[in-house]
Amino acid sequence: MSKTKQQAVIEATSTKQGLNRFEAQAIGDSCLNSTISHLSKKGYRFRTEWESVPNRFGGTTHCNRYWLIGKPQPKAQEAKA
């Protein structure tokens, strides 16, 4: 079974390096901020830091780098089951 886009993002943001939107394209995510938002609504927590990356025109582009800092906690009722 292959990995889903969300699984790939969770795995990549779990690393020391983290992940930005340009690196996310290599793992199949063309809109990382939307994926991060969706995962956040599911209970995942991310540390976000602005960074400047070189662009193809010789300048810099600003984007966020994300690191996973917390996974969803089971609800009290689910934990007792």
Protein backbone atom coordinates (compact mmCIF):
# COMPACT_ATOMS: atom_id res chain seq x y z
CA MET A 1 0.00 0.00 0.00
CA SER A 2 1.39 3.40 -0.93
CA LYS A 3 1.62 6.39 1.38
CA THR A 4 -1.02 9.11 1.24
CA LYS A 5 -0.07 12.75 0.76
CA GLN A 6 -0.99 13.45 4.40
CA GLN A 7 1.15 10.54 5.64
CA ALA A 8 4.09 11.81 3.58
CA VAL A 9 3.71 15.32 5.04
CA ILE A 10 3.45 13.98 8.60
CA GLU A 11 6.61 11.93 8.05
CA ALA A 12 8.54 14.83 6.47
CA THR A 13 7.55 17.34 9.15
CA SER A 14 8.62 14.86 11.83
CA THR A 15 12.27 15.24 10.80
CA LYS A 16 14.78 17.69 12.24
CA GLN A 17 14.79 19.51 8.87
CA GLY A 18 11.03 19.99 8.67
CA LEU A 19 9.37 20.89 5.38
CA ASN A 20 8.58 23.98 3.31
CA ARG A 21 6.18 24.33 0.37
CA PHE A 22 8.86 23.94 -2.30
CA GLU A 23 10.27 20.76 -0.77
CA ALA A 24 6.71 19.45 -0.40
CA GLN A 25 6.31 19.36 -4.18
CA ALA A 26 8.86 16.52 -4.31
CA ILE A 27 6.59 14.38 -2.11
CA GLY A 28 3.45 15.15 -4.09
CA ASP A 29 1.97 18.10 -2.20
CA SER A 30 1.35 21.20 -4.33
CA CYS A 31 -0.42 23.21 -1.59
CA LEU A 32 1.32 22.47 1.71
CA ASN A 33 -0.42 25.22 3.69
CA SER A 34 -3.80 23.60 2.95
CA THR A 35 -2.54 20.16 3.98
CA ILE A 36 -1.14 21.61 7.23
CA SER A 37 -4.50 23.31 7.89
CA HIS A 38 -6.39 20.07 7.28
CA LEU A 39 -4.04 18.09 9.56
CA SER A 40 -4.33 20.79 12.25
CA LYS A 41 -8.10 20.36 12.22
CA LYS A 42 -7.52 16.65 12.85
CA GLY A 43 -5.49 17.49 15.97
CA TYR A 44 -1.90 17.58 14.68
CA ARG A 45 0.17 20.50 15.95
CA PHE A 46 2.96 22.20 14.00
CA ARG A 47 5.70 24.70 14.75
CA THR A 48 5.93 27.25 11.94
CA GLU A 49 8.83 29.52 11.10
CA TRP A 50 9.17 32.02 8.24
CA GLU A 51 12.23 31.60 6.07
CA SER A 52 13.68 33.08 2.88
CA VAL A 53 14.59 30.73 0.04
CA PRO A 54 16.30 31.53 -3.27
CA ASN A 55 14.00 31.85 -6.25
CA ARG A 56 14.69 31.25 -9.93
CA PHE A 57 15.03 34.97 -10.62
CA GLY A 58 18.01 35.47 -8.31
CA GLY A 59 16.01 36.93 -5.45
CA THR A 60 14.41 35.40 -2.40
CA THR A 61 10.93 34.17 -1.64
CA HIS A 62 9.41 33.97 1.82
CA CYS A 63 7.63 30.82 2.93
CA ASN A 64 6.88 28.83 6.07
CA ARG A 65 8.81 25.81 7.26
CA TYR A 66 6.76 23.35 9.32
CA TRP A 67 7.73 20.85 12.03
CA LEU A 68 5.33 18.39 13.62
CA ILE A 69 5.26 18.97 17.39
CA GLY A 70 2.16 17.04 18.45
CA LYS A 71 -0.16 14.30 17.29
CA PRO A 72 -3.89 13.99 18.02
CA GLN A 73 -4.67 12.72 21.50
CA PRO A 74 -7.38 10.09 21.88
CA LYS A 75 -10.57 11.42 23.40
CA ALA A 76 -11.25 10.34 26.99
CA GLN A 77 -14.12 8.06 25.94
CA GLU A 78 -12.03 6.40 23.24
CA ALA A 79 -9.15 5.89 25.67
CA LYS A 80 -11.40 4.00 28.11
CA ALA A 81 -12.78 1.67 25.43
